[in-house]
Amino acid sequence: GRAREAADLLEPPARRLDAPLDVLTTRALALARLGRTADALATLAAARERDRSNARTIVEIGTVHLMAGDRDRAAQAFQEALGLNPAVARAHSSLGVLSVEDGRASDAIAHWKAATSLDPREHENILRVGIALARAGRTAEARACLQFFVDAAPPSRYRRDIERARVWLKQSG
């Protein structure tokens, strides 16, 4: 939640020619949160030049485009990341969100199944998206996220959240 501080703190190490990719991607996301999309993308382009095989960098490029409201370029980046490495859970999860927002629930579910099979922590991201959509009054999209969460999340870890999602689904139906 302290994007300006993060961007400023990471600026000196990000200028180094041997800056770690994590430094560059973290600074880029901080810049994007500040609305400095061009700077964020330039930072990620530098990271991409250092390691063209890193699909995570491409996912972060997609995330920056998404933060800037450019859904088409975001989707292209997420697809490109999956073309490079089909096991990038965050790319699947992000494409799932874009799909549900476009009214393509079956595509969203396929991406979320892939994401959660690769990284079970993605259940939390899908839950967060569902909650955010519900709060925004986007009931149909929220229902898709939360129903997937109820059906797929492991009860051993998410029992309370599953119950809350069930209550919301029942009340919103």
Protein backbone atom coordinates (compact mmCIF):
# COMPACT_ATOMS: atom_id res chain seq x y z
CA GLY A 1 0.00 0.00 0.00
CA ARG A 2 3.00 2.34 -0.11
CA ALA A 3 3.67 2.49 -3.83
CA ARG A 4 5.51 5.83 -3.85
CA GLU A 5 7.87 4.69 -1.11
CA ALA A 6 8.49 1.37 -2.87
CA ALA A 7 9.18 3.04 -6.23
CA ASP A 8 11.58 5.52 -4.64
CA LEU A 9 13.34 2.90 -2.54
CA LEU A 10 13.82 0.57 -5.51
CA GLU A 11 14.95 3.22 -7.98
CA PRO A 12 18.71 3.08 -7.19
CA PRO A 13 19.02 -0.72 -7.32
CA ALA A 14 16.80 -0.86 -10.42
CA ARG A 15 19.26 1.40 -12.29
CA ARG A 16 22.06 -1.12 -11.89
CA LEU A 17 22.84 -3.21 -14.95
CA ASP A 18 22.71 -6.36 -12.83
CA ALA A 19 19.47 -5.47 -11.01
CA PRO A 20 17.56 -8.60 -10.00
CA LEU A 21 14.35 -9.22 -11.92
CA ASP A 22 12.35 -9.10 -8.67
CA VAL A 23 13.58 -5.56 -8.04
CA LEU A 24 12.57 -4.48 -11.53
CA THR A 25 9.14 -6.13 -11.46
CA THR A 26 8.33 -4.87 -7.96
CA ARG A 27 9.33 -1.32 -8.91
CA ALA A 28 7.31 -1.56 -12.13
CA LEU A 29 4.18 -2.56 -10.24
CA ALA A 30 4.70 0.29 -7.78
CA LEU A 31 5.05 2.71 -10.70
CA ALA A 32 1.88 1.32 -12.26
CA ARG A 33 -0.01 1.86 -8.99
CA LEU A 34 1.12 5.48 -9.15
CA GLY A 35 -0.34 5.79 -12.65
CA ARG A 36 3.08 5.88 -14.29
CA THR A 37 2.21 3.23 -16.86
CA ALA A 38 4.88 4.18 -19.40
CA ASP A 39 7.62 4.07 -16.75
CA ALA A 40 6.31 0.74 -15.47
CA LEU A 41 6.30 -0.78 -18.94
CA ALA A 42 9.79 0.58 -19.67
CA THR A 43 11.06 -1.03 -16.46
CA LEU A 44 9.46 -4.34 -17.42
CA ALA A 45 10.89 -4.08 -20.94
CA ALA A 46 14.35 -3.83 -19.36
CA ALA A 47 13.59 -6.90 -17.26
CA ARG A 48 12.38 -8.74 -20.35
CA GLU A 49 15.60 -7.93 -22.20
CA ARG A 50 17.63 -9.48 -19.38
CA ASP A 51 15.69 -12.74 -19.42
CA ARG A 52 13.45 -13.40 -22.40
CA SER A 53 12.52 -16.82 -21.03
CA ASN A 54 10.87 -15.44 -17.88
CA ALA A 55 7.11 -15.77 -18.30
CA ARG A 56 6.48 -14.01 -14.98
CA THR A 57 7.80 -10.76 -16.44
CA ILE A 58 5.27 -11.04 -19.25
CA VAL A 59 2.50 -11.65 -16.71
CA GLU A 60 3.54 -8.45 -14.94
CA ILE A 61 3.41 -6.61 -18.28
CA GLY A 62 -0.15 -7.89 -18.63
CA THR A 63 -0.93 -6.77 -15.11
CA VAL A 64 0.31 -3.25 -15.84
CA HIS A 65 -1.82 -3.11 -18.99
CA LEU A 66 -4.80 -4.31 -16.97
CA MET A 67 -4.19 -1.67 -14.31
CA ALA A 68 -4.17 0.92 -17.10
CA GLY A 69 -7.47 -0.37 -18.46
CA ASP A 70 -6.04 -1.95 -21.61
CA ARG A 71 -7.74 -5.34 -21.42
CA ASP A 72 -6.76 -6.42 -24.94
CA ARG A 73 -3.04 -5.89 -24.42
CA ALA A 74 -3.30 -7.48 -20.98
CA ALA A 75 -4.94 -10.59 -22.43
CA GLN A 76 -2.29 -10.76 -25.16
CA ALA A 77 0.47 -10.63 -22.56
CA PHE A 78 -1.15 -13.33 -20.40
CA GLN A 79 -1.53 -15.55 -23.50
CA GLU A 80 2.08 -14.87 -24.47
CA ALA A 81 3.22 -15.88 -20.98
CA LEU A 82 1.30 -19.15 -21.27
CA GLY A 83 2.83 -19.74 -24.69
CA LEU A 84 6.24 -19.43 -23.07
CA ASN A 85 5.32 -21.44 -19.98
CA PRO A 86 1.89 -23.10 -19.70
CA ALA A 87 2.45 -23.60 -15.97
CA VAL A 88 2.14 -19.93 -15.00
CA ALA A 89 -0.80 -19.97 -12.62
CA ARG A 90 -1.20 -16.20 -12.43
CA ALA A 91 -1.62 -15.94 -16.21
CA HIS A 92 -4.42 -18.52 -16.09
CA SER A 93 -6.04 -16.80 -13.13
CA SER A 94 -5.91 -13.39 -14.82
CA LEU A 95 -7.36 -14.76 -18.06
CA GLY A 96 -10.10 -16.33 -15.95
CA VAL A 97 -11.01 -12.95 -14.51
CA LEU A 98 -11.04 -11.36 -17.96
CA SER A 99 -13.22 -14.22 -19.24
CA VAL A 100 -15.78 -13.92 -16.45
CA GLU A 101 -15.96 -10.16 -16.98
CA ASP A 102 -16.68 -10.85 -20.65
CA GLY A 103 -19.50 -13.24 -19.74
CA ARG A 104 -17.56 -16.37 -20.67
CA ALA A 105 -17.92 -18.30 -17.42
CA SER A 106 -16.90 -21.66 -18.90
CA ASP A 107 -13.61 -20.19 -20.16
CA ALA A 108 -13.07 -18.57 -16.76
CA ILE A 109 -13.61 -21.85 -14.96
CA ALA A 110 -11.18 -23.66 -17.26
CA HIS A 111 -8.49 -21.06 -16.54
CA TRP A 112 -9.19 -21.11 -12.81
CA LYS A 113 -9.00 -24.90 -12.71
CA ALA A 114 -5.63 -24.71 -14.41
CA ALA A 115 -4.45 -21.92 -12.10
CA THR A 116 -5.48 -23.66 -8.87
CA SER A 117 -4.07 -27.00 -9.98
CA LEU A 118 -0.72 -25.30 -10.58
CA ASP A 119 -0.82 -23.16 -7.44
CA PRO A 120 -3.49 -23.77 -4.81
CA ARG A 121 -2.91 -20.25 -3.45
CA GLU A 122 -4.76 -18.94 -6.50
CA HIS A 123 -8.01 -19.88 -4.70
CA GLU A 124 -7.42 -16.81 -2.51
CA ASN A 125 -7.07 -14.55 -5.55
CA ILE A 126 -10.28 -15.88 -7.07
CA LEU A 127 -12.07 -15.35 -3.76
CA ARG A 128 -10.78 -11.76 -3.57
CA VAL A 129 -11.96 -11.06 -7.11
CA GLY A 130 -15.38 -12.51 -6.29
CA ILE A 131 -15.68 -10.34 -3.21
CA ALA A 132 -14.59 -7.23 -5.12
CA LEU A 133 -17.10 -7.93 -7.89
CA ALA A 134 -19.87 -8.49 -5.32
CA ARG A 135 -19.06 -5.19 -3.60
CA ALA A 136 -19.14 -3.46 -6.96
CA GLY A 137 -22.63 -4.83 -7.61
CA ARG A 138 -21.48 -7.09 -10.43
CA THR A 139 -23.50 -10.02 -9.14
CA ALA A 140 -23.34 -12.38 -12.12
CA GLU A 141 -19.56 -12.15 -12.33
CA ALA A 142 -19.21 -12.43 -8.55
CA ARG A 143 -21.41 -15.53 -8.55
CA ALA A 144 -19.13 -17.23 -11.09
CA CYS A 145 -16.03 -16.53 -8.99
CA LEU A 146 -17.57 -17.46 -5.68
CA GLN A 147 -19.27 -20.59 -7.01
CA PHE A 148 -15.95 -21.77 -8.41
CA PHE A 149 -14.34 -21.03 -5.04
CA VAL A 150 -17.02 -22.99 -3.16
CA ASP A 151 -16.73 -25.93 -5.56
CA ALA A 152 -12.94 -26.05 -5.82
CA ALA A 153 -11.28 -24.61 -2.72
CA PRO A 154 -10.01 -27.17 -0.20
CA PRO A 155 -12.26 -27.06 2.90
CA SER A 156 -9.32 -27.94 5.13
CA ARG A 157 -7.86 -24.52 4.42
CA TYR A 158 -10.86 -22.39 3.47
CA ARG A 159 -13.78 -23.74 5.50
CA ARG A 160 -14.89 -20.35 6.91
CA ASP A 161 -14.49 -18.57 3.58
CA ILE A 162 -16.41 -21.32 1.79
CA GLU A 163 -19.28 -20.97 4.26
CA ARG A 164 -19.34 -17.19 3.83
CA ALA A 165 -19.34 -17.57 0.06
CA ARG A 166 -22.20 -20.08 0.28
CA VAL A 167 -24.24 -17.65 2.37
CA TRP A 168 -23.63 -14.86 -0.14
CA LEU A 169 -24.52 -17.13 -3.06
CA LYS A 170 -27.75 -18.15 -1.34
CA GLN A 171 -28.70 -14.56 -0.52
CA SER A 172 -27.85 -13.24 -3.97
CA GLY A 173 -29.64 -16.02 -5.84
